[in-house]
């Protein structure tokens, strides 16, 4: 698969089979993430792989109680009440029962760690799509994972900053393509 096919074919997958993802495949995805650019070549990204379903279930339950930490932009875009209802649903699993969670964190605070981890996450997600896997960045997990309790569950040192919780698994179906808006492009010169 060429890079353009990976970019245009990747989807946020929210329905997974129970099939495990083998450790060498996960390592391949992490290796792809390592090739992302980072500010000043700091390479701050660390990777925590969670494959224990009980731990995933526990994080899901704990994260749902952090619905008060939803970003202000959810209110601005009229999604707050929908998100709050979803998180209040006892049957909703924030990880969509995916078999793997890879949390990309920064090893220490810094001015561009969010950008660095996001670039690594995109590489990981594109590599997963090229390997026939589905992924989804789980923003609902971020509020909990950035607490002392969340870091403890992941075994992260206190200074580390969890940025990108990405679920990975075999999709039950490929979601349809979402139409893209025409870009607003301004040319200077």
Protein backbone atom coordinates (compact mmCIF):
# COMPACT_ATOMS: atom_id res chain seq x y z
CA UNK A 1 0.00 0.00 0.00
CA UNK A 2 1.44 3.37 -0.89
CA UNK A 3 1.33 6.32 1.47
CA UNK A 4 -1.57 8.04 -0.34
CA UNK A 5 -3.71 4.89 -0.08
CA UNK A 6 -2.89 4.69 3.63
CA UNK A 7 -3.77 8.34 4.20
CA UNK A 8 -7.07 8.26 2.28
CA UNK A 9 -8.08 4.78 3.43
CA UNK A 10 -7.46 5.09 7.17
CA UNK A 11 -10.62 5.37 9.28
CA UNK A 12 -11.46 5.69 12.96
CA UNK A 13 -12.60 2.17 13.75
CA UNK A 14 -15.08 1.67 16.59
CA UNK A 15 -16.01 -2.01 16.18
CA UNK A 16 -13.40 -4.75 16.63
CA UNK A 17 -13.20 -8.52 16.57
CA UNK A 18 -11.82 -10.35 19.60
CA UNK A 19 -8.78 -11.50 17.59
CA UNK A 20 -5.51 -10.60 19.29
CA UNK A 21 -2.82 -8.52 17.64
CA UNK A 22 0.52 -10.30 17.81
CA UNK A 23 3.43 -8.67 19.66
CA UNK A 24 5.67 -8.45 16.54
CA UNK A 25 2.90 -6.55 14.73
CA UNK A 26 2.55 -4.14 17.66
CA UNK A 27 6.32 -3.67 17.67
CA UNK A 28 6.19 -2.89 13.93
CA UNK A 29 3.59 -0.15 14.62
CA UNK A 30 5.74 1.33 17.38
CA UNK A 31 8.78 1.24 15.10
CA UNK A 32 6.79 3.23 12.51
CA UNK A 33 5.86 5.75 15.22
CA UNK A 34 9.53 6.20 16.10
CA UNK A 35 10.19 7.61 12.63
CA UNK A 36 7.89 10.57 13.19
CA UNK A 37 9.61 13.94 13.33
CA UNK A 38 10.02 15.59 16.72
CA UNK A 39 10.87 19.16 17.68
CA UNK A 40 14.60 19.59 18.08
CA UNK A 41 14.92 15.84 17.49
CA UNK A 42 14.12 15.35 21.18
CA UNK A 43 12.25 12.07 20.49
CA UNK A 44 10.25 12.28 23.75
CA UNK A 45 7.75 9.52 22.93
CA UNK A 46 7.31 6.45 25.08
CA UNK A 47 4.86 3.62 24.45
CA UNK A 48 2.73 1.66 26.91
CA UNK A 49 0.98 -1.38 25.45
CA UNK A 50 -2.06 -2.71 27.32
CA UNK A 51 -3.44 -6.08 26.19
CA UNK A 52 -4.97 -7.25 29.47
CA UNK A 53 -8.75 -6.99 29.03
CA UNK A 54 -9.34 -6.51 32.76
CA UNK A 55 -7.05 -3.48 32.77
CA UNK A 56 -8.76 -2.08 29.66
CA UNK A 57 -12.16 -2.56 31.31
CA UNK A 58 -10.94 -0.83 34.48
CA UNK A 59 -9.54 2.15 32.58
CA UNK A 60 -12.77 2.41 30.59
CA UNK A 61 -14.88 2.51 33.75
CA UNK A 62 -12.59 4.99 35.48
CA UNK A 63 -12.31 7.26 32.44
CA UNK A 64 -16.09 7.44 32.05
CA UNK A 65 -16.26 9.07 35.48
CA UNK A 66 -14.09 11.90 34.12
CA UNK A 67 -16.78 13.21 31.77
CA UNK A 68 -16.50 16.58 33.51
CA UNK A 69 -13.08 16.92 31.83
CA UNK A 70 -14.47 16.97 28.30
CA UNK A 71 -12.90 19.78 26.30
CA UNK A 72 -14.68 23.11 26.02
CA UNK A 73 -14.75 22.60 22.26
CA UNK A 74 -17.32 19.80 22.76
CA UNK A 75 -19.76 22.40 24.10
CA UNK A 76 -18.92 24.82 21.31
CA UNK A 77 -19.63 22.18 18.67
CA UNK A 78 -22.89 21.07 20.28
CA UNK A 79 -21.56 17.63 21.21
CA UNK A 80 -21.32 17.94 24.98
CA UNK A 81 -24.73 16.46 25.83
CA UNK A 82 -24.24 13.59 23.35
CA UNK A 83 -20.80 12.79 24.81
CA UNK A 84 -22.09 13.01 28.39
CA UNK A 85 -24.95 10.62 27.57
CA UNK A 86 -22.57 8.18 25.92
CA UNK A 87 -20.22 8.22 28.91
CA UNK A 88 -23.15 7.74 31.31
CA UNK A 89 -24.23 4.56 29.45
CA UNK A 90 -23.07 1.58 31.55
CA UNK A 91 -22.79 -0.57 28.40
CA UNK A 92 -20.49 1.85 26.57
CA UNK A 93 -16.85 0.76 26.53
CA UNK A 94 -14.60 3.67 25.62
CA UNK A 95 -12.12 1.33 23.93
CA UNK A 96 -14.82 -0.38 21.84
CA UNK A 97 -13.55 -3.74 23.13
CA UNK A 98 -10.40 -3.45 21.02
CA UNK A 99 -7.77 -5.98 22.12
CA UNK A 100 -4.89 -3.47 22.36
CA UNK A 101 -4.37 0.02 23.73
CA UNK A 102 -1.11 1.80 22.93
CA UNK A 103 -0.63 4.95 24.97
CA UNK A 104 1.93 7.32 23.52
CA UNK A 105 3.37 9.49 26.26
CA UNK A 106 6.14 12.02 26.57
CA UNK A 107 8.93 11.13 28.97
CA UNK A 108 8.92 14.65 30.41
CA UNK A 109 7.00 17.90 30.01
CA UNK A 110 8.21 20.09 27.18
CA UNK A 111 7.01 22.80 24.82
CA UNK A 112 6.12 20.52 21.87
CA UNK A 113 5.35 17.14 23.40
CA UNK A 114 1.73 17.19 22.24
CA UNK A 115 2.79 17.76 18.66
CA UNK A 116 5.58 15.18 18.89
CA UNK A 117 3.27 12.50 20.28
CA UNK A 118 0.53 13.36 17.76
CA UNK A 119 2.97 12.94 14.88
CA UNK A 120 4.04 9.55 16.27
CA UNK A 121 0.37 8.58 16.67
CA UNK A 122 -0.38 9.37 13.03
CA UNK A 123 2.55 7.25 11.86
CA UNK A 124 1.34 4.40 14.08
CA UNK A 125 -2.23 4.66 12.78
CA UNK A 126 -1.13 4.75 9.13
CA UNK A 127 1.13 1.72 9.64
CA UNK A 128 -1.76 -0.11 11.33
CA UNK A 129 -4.07 0.61 8.40
CA UNK A 130 -1.41 -0.60 5.95
CA UNK A 131 -1.22 -3.83 8.01
CA UNK A 132 -5.00 -4.35 7.75
CA UNK A 133 -5.72 -3.20 11.30
CA UNK A 134 -8.05 -0.54 12.64
CA UNK A 135 -7.25 2.22 15.11
CA UNK A 136 -8.95 5.02 16.98
CA UNK A 137 -7.52 7.80 19.15
CA UNK A 138 -9.59 7.63 22.35
CA UNK A 139 -9.90 11.18 23.61
CA UNK A 140 -12.31 10.05 26.33
CA UNK A 141 -9.38 8.30 28.08
CA UNK A 142 -7.11 11.31 28.27
CA UNK A 143 -8.64 12.99 31.34
CA UNK A 144 -8.22 9.89 33.49
CA UNK A 145 -4.85 8.79 32.11
CA UNK A 146 -3.37 12.20 32.99
CA UNK A 147 -4.18 11.74 36.69
CA UNK A 148 -1.89 10.15 39.25
CA UNK A 149 -4.30 7.20 39.42
CA UNK A 150 -4.30 6.79 35.63
CA UNK A 151 -0.52 6.95 35.46
CA UNK A 152 -0.33 4.37 38.25
CA UNK A 153 -2.56 1.95 36.29
CA UNK A 154 -0.21 2.32 33.31
CA UNK A 155 2.92 2.15 35.45
CA UNK A 156 4.04 5.57 34.25
CA UNK A 157 6.43 7.75 36.24
CA UNK A 158 4.86 10.95 37.56
CA UNK A 159 6.60 13.36 35.14
CA UNK A 160 5.48 11.42 32.06
CA UNK A 161 2.58 12.93 30.12
CA UNK A 162 0.12 10.53 28.43
CA UNK A 163 -0.94 12.19 25.17
CA UNK A 164 -2.32 9.71 22.64
CA UNK A 165 -4.33 6.67 23.73
CA UNK A 166 -4.73 4.64 20.52
CA UNK A 167 -6.73 1.41 20.34
CA UNK A 168 -5.65 -1.17 17.79
CA UNK A 169 -7.39 -4.28 16.54
CA UNK A 170 -8.92 -6.19 13.68
CA UNK A 171 -11.98 -4.26 12.44
CA UNK A 172 -15.31 -6.07 12.15
CA UNK A 173 -16.00 -3.81 9.18
CA UNK A 174 -14.34 -0.82 7.56
CA UNK A 175 -16.32 2.35 8.25
CA UNK A 176 -17.46 4.24 5.17
CA UNK A 177 -15.48 7.16 3.92
CA UNK A 178 -16.51 10.47 5.45
CA UNK A 179 -16.76 13.25 2.86
CA UNK A 180 -14.07 15.85 3.31
CA UNK A 181 -14.76 19.55 3.19
CA UNK A 182 -13.03 21.63 0.57
CA UNK A 183 -9.94 23.17 2.13
CA UNK A 184 -9.71 26.85 2.83
CA UNK A 185 -6.39 27.72 1.27
CA UNK A 186 -4.75 31.13 1.41
CA UNK A 187 -1.80 31.75 -0.84
CA UNK A 188 0.73 34.39 0.03
CA UNK A 189 3.14 35.10 -2.76
